[in-house]
N, C-alpha and C. Protein backbone atom coordinates (compact mmCIF):
# COMPACT_ATOMS: atom_id res chain seq x y z
N MET A 1 -48.25 -17.20 -118.35
CA MET A 1 -47.73 -18.40 -117.72
C MET A 1 -46.27 -18.21 -117.36
N SER A 2 -45.83 -18.70 -116.21
CA SER A 2 -44.47 -18.51 -115.76
C SER A 2 -43.50 -19.24 -116.66
N THR A 3 -42.32 -18.63 -116.87
CA THR A 3 -41.32 -19.21 -117.73
C THR A 3 -40.36 -20.07 -116.92
N PRO A 4 -40.25 -21.39 -117.22
CA PRO A 4 -39.34 -22.22 -116.45
C PRO A 4 -37.90 -21.96 -116.84
N ALA A 5 -37.00 -22.08 -115.89
CA ALA A 5 -35.56 -21.94 -116.14
C ALA A 5 -34.85 -23.03 -115.37
N ILE A 6 -33.62 -23.32 -115.74
CA ILE A 6 -32.84 -24.37 -115.11
C ILE A 6 -31.70 -23.76 -114.31
N THR A 7 -31.63 -24.11 -113.05
CA THR A 7 -30.56 -23.62 -112.19
C THR A 7 -29.32 -24.45 -112.41
N GLU A 8 -28.21 -24.05 -111.76
CA GLU A 8 -26.96 -24.81 -111.90
C GLU A 8 -27.11 -26.22 -111.36
N GLY A 9 -27.97 -26.40 -110.37
CA GLY A 9 -28.15 -27.73 -109.81
C GLY A 9 -29.08 -28.60 -110.63
N GLY A 10 -29.61 -28.05 -111.73
CA GLY A 10 -30.47 -28.83 -112.58
C GLY A 10 -31.94 -28.77 -112.21
N HIS A 11 -32.30 -27.95 -111.23
CA HIS A 11 -33.69 -27.85 -110.80
C HIS A 11 -34.38 -26.70 -111.53
N ALA A 12 -35.63 -26.95 -111.91
CA ALA A 12 -36.40 -25.92 -112.61
C ALA A 12 -37.01 -24.94 -111.62
N HIS A 13 -37.06 -23.69 -112.01
CA HIS A 13 -37.76 -22.70 -111.21
C HIS A 13 -38.52 -21.77 -112.14
N ARG A 14 -39.47 -21.05 -111.62
CA ARG A 14 -40.32 -20.18 -112.42
C ARG A 14 -39.80 -18.75 -112.35
N ASP A 15 -39.67 -18.14 -113.53
CA ASP A 15 -39.26 -16.74 -113.60
C ASP A 15 -40.51 -15.87 -113.60
N ASP A 16 -41.11 -15.71 -112.42
CA ASP A 16 -42.36 -14.97 -112.33
C ASP A 16 -42.18 -13.50 -112.67
N VAL A 17 -41.03 -12.92 -112.32
CA VAL A 17 -40.79 -11.51 -112.62
C VAL A 17 -40.75 -11.29 -114.12
N GLY A 18 -40.01 -12.14 -114.83
CA GLY A 18 -39.94 -12.02 -116.28
C GLY A 18 -41.29 -12.24 -116.93
N SER A 19 -42.07 -13.18 -116.41
CA SER A 19 -43.40 -13.45 -116.95
C SER A 19 -44.33 -12.27 -116.74
N LYS A 20 -44.23 -11.63 -115.58
CA LYS A 20 -45.08 -10.47 -115.31
C LYS A 20 -44.73 -9.32 -116.24
N ILE A 21 -43.44 -9.12 -116.49
CA ILE A 21 -43.03 -8.07 -117.42
C ILE A 21 -43.58 -8.36 -118.82
N GLY A 22 -43.49 -9.63 -119.23
CA GLY A 22 -44.03 -10.02 -120.52
C GLY A 22 -45.53 -9.77 -120.61
N MET A 23 -46.24 -10.06 -119.53
CA MET A 23 -47.68 -9.84 -119.52
C MET A 23 -48.01 -8.37 -119.62
N TRP A 24 -47.27 -7.54 -118.89
CA TRP A 24 -47.52 -6.09 -118.95
C TRP A 24 -47.22 -5.54 -120.34
N LEU A 25 -46.19 -6.06 -121.00
CA LEU A 25 -45.87 -5.63 -122.36
C LEU A 25 -47.00 -6.00 -123.32
N PHE A 26 -47.55 -7.20 -123.14
CA PHE A 26 -48.67 -7.62 -123.97
C PHE A 26 -49.88 -6.70 -123.76
N LEU A 27 -50.18 -6.39 -122.50
CA LEU A 27 -51.30 -5.50 -122.21
C LEU A 27 -51.07 -4.12 -122.80
N PHE A 28 -49.81 -3.68 -122.83
CA PHE A 28 -49.49 -2.38 -123.42
C PHE A 28 -49.82 -2.36 -124.91
N THR A 29 -49.53 -3.46 -125.62
CA THR A 29 -49.87 -3.51 -127.05
C THR A 29 -51.38 -3.43 -127.26
N GLU A 30 -52.14 -4.02 -126.34
CA GLU A 30 -53.60 -3.94 -126.43
C GLU A 30 -54.07 -2.49 -126.23
N LEU A 31 -53.45 -1.80 -125.30
CA LEU A 31 -53.80 -0.40 -125.06
C LEU A 31 -53.45 0.46 -126.27
N VAL A 32 -52.35 0.15 -126.93
CA VAL A 32 -51.97 0.90 -128.13
C VAL A 32 -53.02 0.70 -129.21
N LEU A 33 -53.49 -0.55 -129.37
CA LEU A 33 -54.52 -0.85 -130.37
C LEU A 33 -55.77 -0.03 -130.13
N PHE A 34 -56.31 -0.09 -128.93
CA PHE A 34 -57.52 0.66 -128.65
C PHE A 34 -57.26 2.15 -128.58
N GLY A 35 -56.05 2.53 -128.15
CA GLY A 35 -55.72 3.95 -128.13
C GLY A 35 -55.80 4.57 -129.52
N GLY A 36 -55.34 3.83 -130.53
CA GLY A 36 -55.44 4.31 -131.90
C GLY A 36 -56.88 4.50 -132.33
N LEU A 37 -57.74 3.55 -131.94
CA LEU A 37 -59.15 3.67 -132.28
C LEU A 37 -59.80 4.85 -131.56
N PHE A 38 -59.39 5.10 -130.31
CA PHE A 38 -59.93 6.24 -129.58
C PHE A 38 -59.54 7.56 -130.26
N ILE A 39 -58.32 7.61 -130.78
CA ILE A 39 -57.87 8.82 -131.49
C ILE A 39 -58.69 9.03 -132.75
N ILE A 40 -58.93 7.94 -133.50
CA ILE A 40 -59.76 8.04 -134.71
C ILE A 40 -61.15 8.54 -134.35
N TYR A 41 -61.72 8.00 -133.28
CA TYR A 41 -63.04 8.44 -132.82
C TYR A 41 -63.02 9.94 -132.52
N ALA A 42 -62.01 10.39 -131.80
CA ALA A 42 -61.93 11.80 -131.41
C ALA A 42 -61.83 12.71 -132.64
N VAL A 43 -61.06 12.30 -133.64
CA VAL A 43 -60.90 13.10 -134.85
C VAL A 43 -62.23 13.24 -135.57
N TYR A 44 -62.93 12.12 -135.76
CA TYR A 44 -64.21 12.17 -136.48
C TYR A 44 -65.29 12.87 -135.67
N ARG A 45 -65.25 12.74 -134.37
CA ARG A 45 -66.23 13.45 -133.55
C ARG A 45 -66.03 14.95 -133.66
N PHE A 46 -64.79 15.39 -133.75
CA PHE A 46 -64.50 16.81 -133.91
C PHE A 46 -64.99 17.31 -135.27
N ARG A 47 -64.88 16.46 -136.29
CA ARG A 47 -65.28 16.85 -137.65
C ARG A 47 -66.79 16.80 -137.85
N PHE A 48 -67.47 15.87 -137.17
CA PHE A 48 -68.91 15.70 -137.37
C PHE A 48 -69.64 15.71 -136.03
N PRO A 49 -69.60 16.80 -135.28
CA PRO A 49 -70.22 16.82 -133.94
C PRO A 49 -71.72 16.62 -133.96
N GLU A 50 -72.42 17.24 -134.91
CA GLU A 50 -73.88 17.13 -134.96
C GLU A 50 -74.32 15.72 -135.33
N GLU A 51 -73.66 15.15 -136.34
CA GLU A 51 -74.02 13.80 -136.76
C GLU A 51 -73.73 12.78 -135.67
N PHE A 52 -72.62 12.96 -134.96
CA PHE A 52 -72.32 12.05 -133.85
C PHE A 52 -73.37 12.16 -132.75
N HIS A 53 -73.85 13.40 -132.52
CA HIS A 53 -74.90 13.59 -131.51
C HIS A 53 -76.18 12.87 -131.92
N LEU A 54 -76.58 13.03 -133.18
CA LEU A 54 -77.81 12.40 -133.65
C LEU A 54 -77.72 10.88 -133.60
N ALA A 55 -76.54 10.36 -133.88
CA ALA A 55 -76.37 8.90 -133.84
C ALA A 55 -76.33 8.40 -132.40
N ALA A 56 -75.69 9.13 -131.51
CA ALA A 56 -75.51 8.68 -130.12
C ALA A 56 -76.84 8.55 -129.40
N VAL A 57 -77.79 9.44 -129.68
CA VAL A 57 -79.07 9.39 -128.97
C VAL A 57 -79.88 8.17 -129.36
N GLN A 58 -79.46 7.45 -130.40
CA GLN A 58 -80.16 6.24 -130.83
C GLN A 58 -79.73 5.00 -130.04
N LEU A 59 -78.67 5.12 -129.25
CA LEU A 59 -78.22 4.01 -128.43
C LEU A 59 -78.96 4.02 -127.09
N ASP A 60 -79.10 2.84 -126.50
CA ASP A 60 -79.81 2.70 -125.23
C ASP A 60 -78.82 2.88 -124.08
N THR A 61 -78.90 4.04 -123.43
CA THR A 61 -77.99 4.34 -122.32
C THR A 61 -78.17 3.37 -121.16
N LEU A 62 -79.41 2.92 -120.93
CA LEU A 62 -79.68 1.98 -119.83
C LEU A 62 -78.93 0.68 -120.03
N VAL A 63 -78.95 0.16 -121.27
CA VAL A 63 -78.23 -1.09 -121.55
C VAL A 63 -76.74 -0.90 -121.32
N GLY A 64 -76.20 0.23 -121.78
CA GLY A 64 -74.78 0.50 -121.57
C GLY A 64 -74.44 0.62 -120.10
N THR A 65 -75.33 1.24 -119.32
CA THR A 65 -75.11 1.37 -117.88
C THR A 65 -75.12 0.01 -117.19
N VAL A 66 -76.10 -0.82 -117.55
CA VAL A 66 -76.18 -2.17 -116.96
C VAL A 66 -74.92 -2.97 -117.27
N ASN A 67 -74.46 -2.89 -118.51
CA ASN A 67 -73.25 -3.62 -118.88
C ASN A 67 -72.03 -3.09 -118.13
N THR A 68 -72.00 -1.79 -117.90
CA THR A 68 -70.90 -1.22 -117.12
C THR A 68 -70.89 -1.76 -115.70
N MET A 69 -72.07 -1.82 -115.08
CA MET A 69 -72.17 -2.36 -113.72
C MET A 69 -71.79 -3.83 -113.68
N ILE A 70 -72.16 -4.56 -114.72
CA ILE A 70 -71.82 -5.98 -114.79
C ILE A 70 -70.30 -6.16 -114.81
N LEU A 71 -69.62 -5.40 -115.66
CA LEU A 71 -68.17 -5.56 -115.78
C LEU A 71 -67.45 -5.07 -114.53
N LEU A 72 -67.92 -3.99 -113.94
CA LEU A 72 -67.30 -3.51 -112.71
C LEU A 72 -67.43 -4.56 -111.59
N THR A 73 -68.60 -5.18 -111.51
CA THR A 73 -68.79 -6.24 -110.51
C THR A 73 -67.89 -7.43 -110.81
N SER A 74 -67.74 -7.74 -112.08
CA SER A 74 -66.88 -8.88 -112.46
C SER A 74 -65.42 -8.61 -112.09
N SER A 75 -64.98 -7.36 -112.19
CA SER A 75 -63.62 -7.02 -111.78
C SER A 75 -63.45 -7.24 -110.28
N LEU A 76 -64.49 -6.90 -109.52
CA LEU A 76 -64.45 -7.10 -108.07
C LEU A 76 -64.36 -8.59 -107.73
N THR A 77 -65.20 -9.41 -108.35
CA THR A 77 -65.16 -10.85 -108.06
C THR A 77 -63.84 -11.47 -108.53
N MET A 78 -63.28 -10.92 -109.61
CA MET A 78 -61.99 -11.42 -110.09
C MET A 78 -60.90 -11.14 -109.06
N ALA A 79 -60.86 -9.91 -108.55
CA ALA A 79 -59.86 -9.55 -107.55
C ALA A 79 -60.05 -10.36 -106.27
N MET A 80 -61.29 -10.58 -105.88
CA MET A 80 -61.57 -11.37 -104.68
C MET A 80 -61.15 -12.83 -104.87
N SER A 81 -61.31 -13.34 -106.09
CA SER A 81 -60.90 -14.72 -106.37
C SER A 81 -59.39 -14.88 -106.22
N ILE A 82 -58.64 -13.90 -106.71
CA ILE A 82 -57.17 -13.95 -106.58
C ILE A 82 -56.77 -13.88 -105.11
N THR A 83 -57.41 -12.98 -104.37
CA THR A 83 -57.11 -12.86 -102.94
C THR A 83 -57.41 -14.16 -102.21
N ALA A 84 -58.54 -14.78 -102.53
CA ALA A 84 -58.90 -16.05 -101.88
C ALA A 84 -57.89 -17.13 -102.17
N LEU A 85 -57.40 -17.18 -103.42
CA LEU A 85 -56.40 -18.19 -103.76
C LEU A 85 -55.11 -17.95 -102.99
N ARG A 86 -54.69 -16.68 -102.89
CA ARG A 86 -53.48 -16.37 -102.13
C ARG A 86 -53.61 -16.79 -100.67
N GLN A 87 -54.83 -16.76 -100.16
CA GLN A 87 -55.07 -17.15 -98.76
C GLN A 87 -55.25 -18.65 -98.60
N GLY A 88 -55.15 -19.37 -99.70
CA GLY A 88 -55.30 -20.82 -99.65
C GLY A 88 -56.74 -21.29 -99.64
N ARG A 89 -57.68 -20.41 -99.91
CA ARG A 89 -59.11 -20.77 -99.91
C ARG A 89 -59.53 -21.10 -101.34
N ARG A 90 -59.12 -22.28 -101.78
CA ARG A 90 -59.29 -22.67 -103.17
C ARG A 90 -60.76 -22.77 -103.58
N GLY A 91 -61.61 -23.31 -102.69
CA GLY A 91 -63.03 -23.42 -103.01
C GLY A 91 -63.69 -22.07 -103.22
N LEU A 92 -63.38 -21.11 -102.34
CA LEU A 92 -63.93 -19.77 -102.48
C LEU A 92 -63.40 -19.09 -103.74
N SER A 93 -62.13 -19.32 -104.04
CA SER A 93 -61.54 -18.74 -105.25
C SER A 93 -62.27 -19.25 -106.49
N ALA A 94 -62.54 -20.56 -106.53
CA ALA A 94 -63.24 -21.15 -107.67
C ALA A 94 -64.66 -20.60 -107.78
N PHE A 95 -65.32 -20.41 -106.63
CA PHE A 95 -66.68 -19.89 -106.62
C PHE A 95 -66.71 -18.46 -107.17
N LEU A 96 -65.80 -17.62 -106.72
CA LEU A 96 -65.75 -16.24 -107.19
C LEU A 96 -65.36 -16.16 -108.66
N LEU A 97 -64.46 -17.04 -109.07
CA LEU A 97 -64.05 -17.06 -110.47
C LEU A 97 -65.22 -17.50 -111.35
N SER A 98 -66.02 -18.44 -110.87
CA SER A 98 -67.22 -18.86 -111.61
C SER A 98 -68.19 -17.69 -111.74
N GLY A 99 -68.32 -16.90 -110.67
CA GLY A 99 -69.17 -15.72 -110.72
C GLY A 99 -68.69 -14.72 -111.75
N THR A 100 -67.37 -14.55 -111.84
CA THR A 100 -66.79 -13.64 -112.83
C THR A 100 -67.14 -14.10 -114.24
N ILE A 101 -67.03 -15.39 -114.48
CA ILE A 101 -67.33 -15.94 -115.80
C ILE A 101 -68.81 -15.75 -116.13
N LEU A 102 -69.69 -15.99 -115.17
CA LEU A 102 -71.13 -15.80 -115.41
C LEU A 102 -71.44 -14.34 -115.73
N LEU A 103 -70.79 -13.42 -115.04
CA LEU A 103 -71.00 -11.99 -115.32
C LEU A 103 -70.51 -11.64 -116.72
N GLY A 104 -69.40 -12.25 -117.14
CA GLY A 104 -68.91 -12.02 -118.49
C GLY A 104 -69.91 -12.47 -119.54
N PHE A 105 -70.53 -13.63 -119.31
CA PHE A 105 -71.55 -14.10 -120.24
C PHE A 105 -72.79 -13.21 -120.21
N ALA A 106 -73.11 -12.67 -119.03
CA ALA A 106 -74.24 -11.74 -118.93
C ALA A 106 -73.98 -10.50 -119.77
N PHE A 107 -72.74 -10.01 -119.76
CA PHE A 107 -72.36 -8.86 -120.58
C PHE A 107 -72.58 -9.17 -122.06
N LEU A 108 -72.08 -10.33 -122.51
CA LEU A 108 -72.24 -10.71 -123.92
C LEU A 108 -73.70 -10.90 -124.29
N PHE A 109 -74.49 -11.42 -123.35
CA PHE A 109 -75.93 -11.62 -123.59
C PHE A 109 -76.61 -10.28 -123.85
N ASN A 110 -76.31 -9.28 -123.01
CA ASN A 110 -76.89 -7.95 -123.21
C ASN A 110 -76.41 -7.32 -124.51
N LYS A 111 -75.12 -7.50 -124.80
CA LYS A 111 -74.57 -6.92 -126.03
C LYS A 111 -75.20 -7.56 -127.26
N TYR A 112 -75.46 -8.85 -127.20
CA TYR A 112 -76.10 -9.54 -128.33
C TYR A 112 -77.46 -8.92 -128.63
N PHE A 113 -78.28 -8.71 -127.59
CA PHE A 113 -79.61 -8.15 -127.81
C PHE A 113 -79.54 -6.69 -128.24
N GLU A 114 -78.53 -5.98 -127.76
CA GLU A 114 -78.37 -4.59 -128.20
C GLU A 114 -78.04 -4.53 -129.68
N TRP A 115 -77.10 -5.36 -130.11
CA TRP A 115 -76.75 -5.42 -131.52
C TRP A 115 -77.94 -5.90 -132.35
N ALA A 116 -78.65 -6.92 -131.85
CA ALA A 116 -79.79 -7.46 -132.59
C ALA A 116 -80.85 -6.39 -132.81
N HIS A 117 -81.05 -5.54 -131.80
CA HIS A 117 -82.04 -4.47 -131.93
C HIS A 117 -81.63 -3.49 -133.02
N LYS A 118 -80.35 -3.11 -133.07
CA LYS A 118 -79.88 -2.19 -134.10
C LYS A 118 -79.95 -2.83 -135.48
N ILE A 119 -79.62 -4.11 -135.56
CA ILE A 119 -79.66 -4.80 -136.85
C ILE A 119 -81.09 -4.93 -137.35
N ASP A 120 -82.04 -5.22 -136.44
CA ASP A 120 -83.45 -5.29 -136.82
C ASP A 120 -83.95 -3.95 -137.33
N ALA A 121 -83.37 -2.88 -136.81
CA ALA A 121 -83.75 -1.54 -137.27
C ALA A 121 -83.06 -1.17 -138.57
N GLY A 122 -82.22 -2.06 -139.08
CA GLY A 122 -81.54 -1.83 -140.35
C GLY A 122 -80.24 -1.07 -140.24
N ILE A 123 -79.78 -0.85 -138.99
CA ILE A 123 -78.52 -0.11 -138.79
C ILE A 123 -77.39 -1.10 -138.55
N TYR A 124 -76.70 -1.43 -139.62
CA TYR A 124 -75.52 -2.28 -139.53
C TYR A 124 -74.65 -1.99 -140.75
N PRO A 125 -73.36 -2.31 -140.71
CA PRO A 125 -72.44 -1.95 -141.80
C PRO A 125 -72.93 -2.41 -143.17
N GLN A 126 -72.91 -1.50 -144.12
CA GLN A 126 -73.26 -1.72 -145.51
C GLN A 126 -74.76 -1.94 -145.74
N SER A 127 -75.59 -1.73 -144.72
CA SER A 127 -77.03 -1.87 -144.91
C SER A 127 -77.55 -0.65 -145.66
N PRO A 128 -78.64 -0.80 -146.43
CA PRO A 128 -79.20 0.36 -147.15
C PRO A 128 -79.57 1.51 -146.22
N ALA A 129 -80.16 1.16 -145.05
CA ALA A 129 -80.56 2.21 -144.12
C ALA A 129 -79.36 2.97 -143.58
N MET A 130 -78.28 2.26 -143.32
CA MET A 130 -77.10 2.93 -142.78
C MET A 130 -76.40 3.75 -143.86
N LEU A 131 -76.35 3.24 -145.07
CA LEU A 131 -75.69 3.97 -146.15
C LEU A 131 -76.47 5.23 -146.53
N ALA A 132 -77.75 5.27 -146.18
CA ALA A 132 -78.55 6.45 -146.48
C ALA A 132 -78.36 7.56 -145.45
N LEU A 133 -77.67 7.27 -144.37
CA LEU A 133 -77.43 8.26 -143.32
C LEU A 133 -76.36 9.26 -143.75
N PRO A 134 -76.30 10.43 -143.10
CA PRO A 134 -75.19 11.37 -143.35
C PRO A 134 -73.85 10.71 -143.03
N GLN A 135 -72.78 11.23 -143.63
CA GLN A 135 -71.47 10.60 -143.48
C GLN A 135 -71.05 10.48 -142.03
N GLY A 136 -71.31 11.52 -141.23
CA GLY A 136 -70.90 11.47 -139.83
C GLY A 136 -71.58 10.35 -139.06
N GLU A 137 -72.86 10.10 -139.32
CA GLU A 137 -73.57 9.02 -138.64
C GLU A 137 -73.06 7.66 -139.10
N ILE A 138 -72.73 7.54 -140.38
CA ILE A 138 -72.15 6.29 -140.89
C ILE A 138 -70.85 6.00 -140.18
N LEU A 139 -70.01 7.03 -140.01
CA LEU A 139 -68.74 6.86 -139.32
C LEU A 139 -68.96 6.48 -137.85
N TYR A 140 -69.94 7.12 -137.23
CA TYR A 140 -70.23 6.82 -135.83
C TYR A 140 -70.61 5.36 -135.65
N PHE A 141 -71.57 4.90 -136.42
CA PHE A 141 -72.02 3.52 -136.26
C PHE A 141 -70.95 2.52 -136.72
N GLY A 142 -70.15 2.93 -137.71
CA GLY A 142 -69.04 2.06 -138.11
C GLY A 142 -68.05 1.86 -136.97
N LEU A 143 -67.69 2.97 -136.31
CA LEU A 143 -66.80 2.88 -135.16
C LEU A 143 -67.46 2.13 -134.00
N TYR A 144 -68.76 2.33 -133.83
CA TYR A 144 -69.49 1.62 -132.77
C TYR A 144 -69.37 0.11 -132.95
N TYR A 145 -69.63 -0.36 -134.14
CA TYR A 145 -69.57 -1.81 -134.38
C TYR A 145 -68.14 -2.33 -134.29
N VAL A 146 -67.18 -1.59 -134.84
CA VAL A 146 -65.79 -2.05 -134.81
C VAL A 146 -65.26 -2.09 -133.38
N MET A 147 -65.45 -1.03 -132.63
CA MET A 147 -64.85 -0.93 -131.31
C MET A 147 -65.57 -1.80 -130.27
N THR A 148 -66.89 -1.81 -130.29
CA THR A 148 -67.60 -2.69 -129.35
C THR A 148 -67.47 -4.14 -129.77
N GLY A 149 -67.38 -4.39 -131.07
CA GLY A 149 -67.17 -5.76 -131.54
C GLY A 149 -65.80 -6.28 -131.15
N LEU A 150 -64.78 -5.44 -131.31
CA LEU A 150 -63.43 -5.84 -130.91
C LEU A 150 -63.36 -6.06 -129.40
N HIS A 151 -64.06 -5.22 -128.66
CA HIS A 151 -64.10 -5.40 -127.20
C HIS A 151 -64.80 -6.70 -126.84
N ALA A 152 -65.91 -7.01 -127.52
CA ALA A 152 -66.62 -8.26 -127.26
C ALA A 152 -65.73 -9.46 -127.55
N LEU A 153 -64.91 -9.37 -128.60
CA LEU A 153 -63.97 -10.44 -128.90
C LEU A 153 -62.99 -10.63 -127.75
N HIS A 154 -62.53 -9.52 -127.17
CA HIS A 154 -61.63 -9.61 -126.03
C HIS A 154 -62.33 -10.22 -124.81
N VAL A 155 -63.62 -9.94 -124.67
CA VAL A 155 -64.38 -10.56 -123.57
C VAL A 155 -64.42 -12.08 -123.77
N VAL A 156 -64.66 -12.52 -125.00
CA VAL A 156 -64.69 -13.96 -125.29
C VAL A 156 -63.34 -14.60 -124.99
N ILE A 157 -62.26 -13.93 -125.41
CA ILE A 157 -60.91 -14.45 -125.12
C ILE A 157 -60.69 -14.50 -123.62
N GLY A 158 -61.10 -13.43 -122.92
CA GLY A 158 -60.95 -13.40 -121.47
C GLY A 158 -61.71 -14.52 -120.79
N LEU A 159 -62.93 -14.78 -121.25
CA LEU A 159 -63.73 -15.87 -120.67
C LEU A 159 -63.07 -17.22 -120.90
N THR A 160 -62.46 -17.39 -122.06
CA THR A 160 -61.75 -18.64 -122.34
C THR A 160 -60.57 -18.81 -121.39
N ILE A 161 -59.83 -17.74 -121.18
CA ILE A 161 -58.69 -17.78 -120.25
C ILE A 161 -59.17 -18.09 -118.84
N LEU A 162 -60.24 -17.42 -118.41
CA LEU A 162 -60.75 -17.65 -117.06
C LEU A 162 -61.31 -19.06 -116.91
N GLY A 163 -61.88 -19.60 -117.98
CA GLY A 163 -62.35 -20.98 -117.93
C GLY A 163 -61.22 -21.95 -117.69
N VAL A 164 -60.09 -21.72 -118.37
CA VAL A 164 -58.90 -22.57 -118.16
C VAL A 164 -58.38 -22.41 -116.74
N MET A 165 -58.38 -21.17 -116.24
CA MET A 165 -57.92 -20.92 -114.88
C MET A 165 -58.83 -21.60 -113.85
N LEU A 166 -60.13 -21.58 -114.10
CA LEU A 166 -61.07 -22.23 -113.18
C LEU A 166 -60.81 -23.73 -113.11
N ARG A 167 -60.57 -24.34 -114.24
CA ARG A 167 -60.25 -25.77 -114.25
C ARG A 167 -58.98 -26.04 -113.47
N SER A 168 -57.98 -25.16 -113.62
CA SER A 168 -56.72 -25.36 -112.90
C SER A 168 -56.91 -25.20 -111.39
N VAL A 169 -57.75 -24.24 -110.99
CA VAL A 169 -58.02 -24.06 -109.57
C VAL A 169 -58.72 -25.29 -109.00
N LEU A 170 -59.71 -25.79 -109.72
CA LEU A 170 -60.46 -26.95 -109.26
C LEU A 170 -59.58 -28.19 -109.18
N ARG A 171 -58.61 -28.30 -110.09
CA ARG A 171 -57.71 -29.46 -110.10
C ARG A 171 -56.56 -29.32 -109.10
N GLY A 172 -56.42 -28.12 -108.55
CA GLY A 172 -55.37 -27.91 -107.56
C GLY A 172 -54.01 -27.58 -108.15
N THR A 173 -53.94 -27.30 -109.45
CA THR A 173 -52.66 -26.92 -110.05
C THR A 173 -52.36 -25.43 -109.86
N LEU A 174 -53.38 -24.66 -109.46
CA LEU A 174 -53.18 -23.27 -109.06
C LEU A 174 -53.42 -23.21 -107.57
N THR A 175 -52.39 -22.84 -106.84
CA THR A 175 -52.47 -22.85 -105.38
C THR A 175 -51.95 -21.54 -104.82
N ALA A 176 -51.97 -21.42 -103.49
CA ALA A 176 -51.55 -20.18 -102.84
C ALA A 176 -50.10 -19.83 -103.16
N ASP A 177 -49.24 -20.83 -103.34
CA ASP A 177 -47.84 -20.54 -103.64
C ASP A 177 -47.57 -20.48 -105.14
N ARG A 178 -48.62 -20.68 -105.96
CA ARG A 178 -48.46 -20.59 -107.40
C ARG A 178 -49.66 -19.87 -108.01
N PRO A 179 -49.86 -18.61 -107.65
CA PRO A 179 -51.06 -17.90 -108.12
C PRO A 179 -50.85 -17.09 -109.40
N PHE A 180 -49.64 -17.12 -109.98
CA PHE A 180 -49.33 -16.15 -111.02
C PHE A 180 -50.27 -16.26 -112.22
N ARG A 181 -50.58 -17.47 -112.68
CA ARG A 181 -51.42 -17.60 -113.87
C ARG A 181 -52.80 -16.98 -113.65
N LEU A 182 -53.35 -17.15 -112.45
CA LEU A 182 -54.63 -16.53 -112.15
C LEU A 182 -54.48 -15.01 -112.09
N GLU A 183 -53.37 -14.53 -111.55
CA GLU A 183 -53.12 -13.09 -111.51
C GLU A 183 -53.01 -12.52 -112.92
N ALA A 184 -52.33 -13.27 -113.81
CA ALA A 184 -52.19 -12.83 -115.20
C ALA A 184 -53.55 -12.79 -115.89
N GLY A 185 -54.36 -13.82 -115.66
CA GLY A 185 -55.71 -13.82 -116.21
C GLY A 185 -56.53 -12.66 -115.67
N GLY A 186 -56.32 -12.34 -114.38
CA GLY A 186 -57.02 -11.22 -113.78
C GLY A 186 -56.61 -9.90 -114.41
N LEU A 187 -55.33 -9.74 -114.70
CA LEU A 187 -54.85 -8.52 -115.36
C LEU A 187 -55.53 -8.33 -116.71
N TYR A 188 -55.63 -9.43 -117.47
CA TYR A 188 -56.27 -9.34 -118.78
C TYR A 188 -57.74 -8.96 -118.63
N TRP A 189 -58.41 -9.57 -117.64
CA TRP A 189 -59.83 -9.26 -117.44
C TRP A 189 -60.03 -7.81 -117.00
N HIS A 190 -59.14 -7.31 -116.15
CA HIS A 190 -59.23 -5.90 -115.74
C HIS A 190 -59.02 -4.98 -116.94
N LEU A 191 -58.14 -5.38 -117.86
CA LEU A 191 -57.92 -4.58 -119.07
C LEU A 191 -59.21 -4.49 -119.88
N VAL A 192 -59.89 -5.63 -120.03
CA VAL A 192 -61.17 -5.65 -120.75
C VAL A 192 -62.15 -4.68 -120.11
N ASP A 193 -62.19 -4.66 -118.78
CA ASP A 193 -63.10 -3.76 -118.07
C ASP A 193 -62.71 -2.30 -118.27
N ILE A 194 -61.41 -2.01 -118.21
CA ILE A 194 -60.94 -0.63 -118.36
C ILE A 194 -61.28 -0.10 -119.75
N ILE A 195 -61.11 -0.94 -120.77
CA ILE A 195 -61.44 -0.51 -122.13
C ILE A 195 -62.92 -0.14 -122.23
N TRP A 196 -63.77 -0.96 -121.60
CA TRP A 196 -65.20 -0.65 -121.63
C TRP A 196 -65.50 0.66 -120.90
N ILE A 197 -64.78 0.95 -119.84
CA ILE A 197 -64.99 2.19 -119.09
C ILE A 197 -64.78 3.40 -120.01
N PHE A 198 -63.91 3.26 -121.00
CA PHE A 198 -63.71 4.35 -121.97
C PHE A 198 -64.77 4.29 -123.07
N LEU A 199 -65.15 3.09 -123.50
CA LEU A 199 -66.14 2.97 -124.57
C LEU A 199 -67.51 3.47 -124.12
N PHE A 200 -67.86 3.19 -122.88
CA PHE A 200 -69.19 3.54 -122.39
C PHE A 200 -69.49 5.04 -122.51
N PRO A 201 -68.68 5.93 -121.97
CA PRO A 201 -69.01 7.36 -122.13
C PRO A 201 -68.91 7.84 -123.56
N LEU A 202 -67.96 7.31 -124.33
CA LEU A 202 -67.79 7.78 -125.71
C LEU A 202 -69.03 7.52 -126.55
N PHE A 203 -69.65 6.37 -126.39
CA PHE A 203 -70.78 6.02 -127.24
C PHE A 203 -72.14 6.24 -126.58
N TYR A 204 -72.22 6.18 -125.26
CA TYR A 204 -73.52 6.22 -124.60
C TYR A 204 -73.81 7.53 -123.86
N LEU A 205 -72.78 8.26 -123.46
CA LEU A 205 -73.00 9.43 -122.62
C LEU A 205 -72.72 10.76 -123.33
N LEU A 206 -71.75 10.77 -124.23
CA LEU A 206 -71.39 12.02 -124.90
C LEU A 206 -72.33 12.28 -126.06
N HIS A 207 -73.46 12.89 -125.79
CA HIS A 207 -74.44 13.19 -126.83
C HIS A 207 -74.19 14.57 -127.43
């Protein structure tokens, strides 16, 4: 959100440049968080290559691919929504933003059933079946739940932000001359997508 400031004449103005810098700094901290997890994944994969391979083949690559396509499409509709708002086409912007939100829920829907399938099979943290696995497979599935779970949490946060933005667009408080909050929400949503682009090959493709 833009930071208001007071000019010498007593009029408020928005410090959009400062707000954008703040937003980028926040996104950087998120990248540091996931970057640390990626490093941990790489270390354990190097130590337990065979166990990671055996665990990876148990994941459904098709589900991961579908979710990747969903998020990539949502990034497109998000960018188109911002462009539409900048052009003053508020109705189209709201429509595209609604599509982005629906795609986000579709991602969570697929992830829920993927997790449910693994849990039904007895593969979840501290389960007897998981604890009976070799150490490398335990580490793999532990990282799988932590990293995809943390990503899903970010999707939920992103959907909440986009929901607030949609209400603002519909109410007319976000307009062509005041698009920054929607742009900031778009940056966060793109970050969520980028993180998944890294998670997808690590867990679903690198067998």
